[in-house]
Amino acid sequence: FARTFADIDLDDGNQDSVPIDCDNEEVEEIANALEQFIANKTPHL
């Protein structure tokens, strides 16, 4: 799971670096929810 989450984090970073006009807020909300989910599921990190 750790590697999968690391890959997801890298993907989120790539999405953030790409200018998105319409879905920017939605992408940020999904990224924040994903980070919270990861933090809750991996307390050792």
N, C-alpha and C. Protein backbone atom coordinates (compact mmCIF):
# COMPACT_ATOMS: atom_id res chain seq x y z
N PHE A 1 0.82 -1.21 0.00
CA PHE A 1 0.00 0.00 0.00
C PHE A 1 0.86 1.26 0.00
N ALA A 2 1.96 1.21 0.71
CA ALA A 2 2.79 2.41 0.81
C ALA A 2 3.26 2.86 -0.57
N ARG A 3 3.66 1.91 -1.40
CA ARG A 3 4.12 2.28 -2.74
C ARG A 3 2.98 2.86 -3.57
N THR A 4 1.79 2.26 -3.44
CA THR A 4 0.63 2.77 -4.17
C THR A 4 0.34 4.21 -3.75
N PHE A 5 0.37 4.47 -2.43
CA PHE A 5 0.10 5.82 -1.95
C PHE A 5 1.18 6.78 -2.45
N ALA A 6 2.42 6.34 -2.48
CA ALA A 6 3.51 7.19 -2.96
C ALA A 6 3.26 7.55 -4.42
N ASP A 7 2.82 6.56 -5.22
CA ASP A 7 2.53 6.82 -6.62
C ASP A 7 1.39 7.82 -6.75
N ILE A 8 0.37 7.67 -5.91
CA ILE A 8 -0.77 8.59 -5.95
C ILE A 8 -0.30 10.01 -5.61
N ASP A 9 0.55 10.13 -4.60
CA ASP A 9 1.07 11.45 -4.21
C ASP A 9 1.83 12.07 -5.37
N LEU A 10 2.64 11.29 -6.07
CA LEU A 10 3.39 11.81 -7.20
C LEU A 10 2.42 12.25 -8.30
N ASP A 11 1.37 11.45 -8.53
CA ASP A 11 0.39 11.81 -9.55
C ASP A 11 -0.30 13.12 -9.19
N ASP A 12 -0.66 13.28 -7.91
CA ASP A 12 -1.30 14.51 -7.48
C ASP A 12 -0.38 15.70 -7.73
N GLY A 13 0.91 15.53 -7.45
CA GLY A 13 1.87 16.60 -7.67
C GLY A 13 1.91 16.99 -9.14
N ASN A 14 1.86 16.00 -10.01
CA ASN A 14 1.88 16.28 -11.44
C ASN A 14 0.61 17.02 -11.86
N GLN A 15 -0.52 16.64 -11.30
CA GLN A 15 -1.77 17.31 -11.65
C GLN A 15 -1.76 18.75 -11.17
N ASP A 16 -1.18 18.97 -9.97
CA ASP A 16 -1.15 20.33 -9.43
C ASP A 16 -0.27 21.23 -10.30
N SER A 17 0.78 20.67 -10.91
CA SER A 17 1.70 21.47 -11.71
C SER A 17 1.10 21.81 -13.07
N VAL A 18 0.05 21.07 -13.46
CA VAL A 18 -0.61 21.34 -14.74
C VAL A 18 -1.74 22.33 -14.52
N PRO A 19 -1.75 23.42 -15.29
CA PRO A 19 -2.82 24.42 -15.12
C PRO A 19 -4.18 23.86 -15.51
N ILE A 20 -5.11 23.82 -14.56
CA ILE A 20 -6.46 23.36 -14.84
C ILE A 20 -7.43 24.47 -14.44
N ASP A 21 -8.27 24.90 -15.36
CA ASP A 21 -9.15 26.02 -15.09
C ASP A 21 -10.47 25.55 -14.49
N CYS A 22 -11.15 24.64 -15.16
CA CYS A 22 -12.51 24.28 -14.78
C CYS A 22 -12.53 23.41 -13.53
N ASP A 23 -11.67 22.40 -13.48
CA ASP A 23 -11.77 21.38 -12.44
C ASP A 23 -10.74 21.58 -11.33
N ASN A 24 -10.09 22.74 -11.29
CA ASN A 24 -9.01 22.94 -10.33
C ASN A 24 -9.49 22.74 -8.90
N GLU A 25 -10.60 23.38 -8.53
CA GLU A 25 -11.11 23.27 -7.16
C GLU A 25 -11.50 21.83 -6.87
N GLU A 26 -12.12 21.17 -7.83
CA GLU A 26 -12.56 19.79 -7.63
C GLU A 26 -11.36 18.88 -7.43
N VAL A 27 -10.32 19.09 -8.22
CA VAL A 27 -9.10 18.29 -8.08
C VAL A 27 -8.49 18.50 -6.71
N GLU A 28 -8.47 19.75 -6.24
CA GLU A 28 -7.89 20.03 -4.92
C GLU A 28 -8.70 19.36 -3.82
N GLU A 29 -10.03 19.37 -3.96
CA GLU A 29 -10.88 18.72 -2.94
C GLU A 29 -10.61 17.23 -2.91
N ILE A 30 -10.49 16.61 -4.08
CA ILE A 30 -10.20 15.18 -4.16
C ILE A 30 -8.83 14.90 -3.56
N ALA A 31 -7.85 15.73 -3.87
CA ALA A 31 -6.50 15.53 -3.35
C ALA A 31 -6.50 15.65 -1.83
N ASN A 32 -7.22 16.63 -1.29
CA ASN A 32 -7.29 16.80 0.16
C ASN A 32 -7.96 15.60 0.81
N ALA A 33 -9.05 15.13 0.23
CA ALA A 33 -9.75 13.96 0.77
C ALA A 33 -8.84 12.74 0.72
N LEU A 34 -8.08 12.62 -0.37
CA LEU A 34 -7.16 11.49 -0.53
C LEU A 34 -6.08 11.55 0.53
N GLU A 35 -5.54 12.74 0.78
CA GLU A 35 -4.49 12.88 1.79
C GLU A 35 -5.03 12.52 3.17
N GLN A 36 -6.24 12.96 3.49
CA GLN A 36 -6.84 12.64 4.78
C GLN A 36 -7.06 11.14 4.90
N PHE A 37 -7.55 10.52 3.82
CA PHE A 37 -7.79 9.07 3.82
C PHE A 37 -6.48 8.32 4.05
N ILE A 38 -5.43 8.74 3.35
CA ILE A 38 -4.12 8.10 3.50
C ILE A 38 -3.61 8.28 4.92
N ALA A 39 -3.75 9.48 5.46
CA ALA A 39 -3.27 9.75 6.82
C ALA A 39 -4.02 8.89 7.83
N ASN A 40 -5.31 8.70 7.62
CA ASN A 40 -6.11 7.90 8.55
C ASN A 40 -5.76 6.42 8.44
N LYS A 41 -5.43 5.96 7.24
CA LYS A 41 -5.17 4.54 7.03
C LYS A 41 -3.73 4.17 7.33
N THR A 42 -2.83 5.15 7.39
CA THR A 42 -1.41 4.86 7.62
C THR A 42 -0.87 5.71 8.75
N PRO A 43 -1.24 5.41 10.00
CA PRO A 43 -0.79 6.22 11.13
C PRO A 43 0.72 6.14 11.36
N HIS A 44 1.35 5.05 10.89
CA HIS A 44 2.79 4.91 11.11
C HIS A 44 3.58 5.90 10.27
N LEU A 45 2.97 6.45 9.22
CA LEU A 45 3.63 7.47 8.43
C LEU A 45 3.32 8.84 9.04
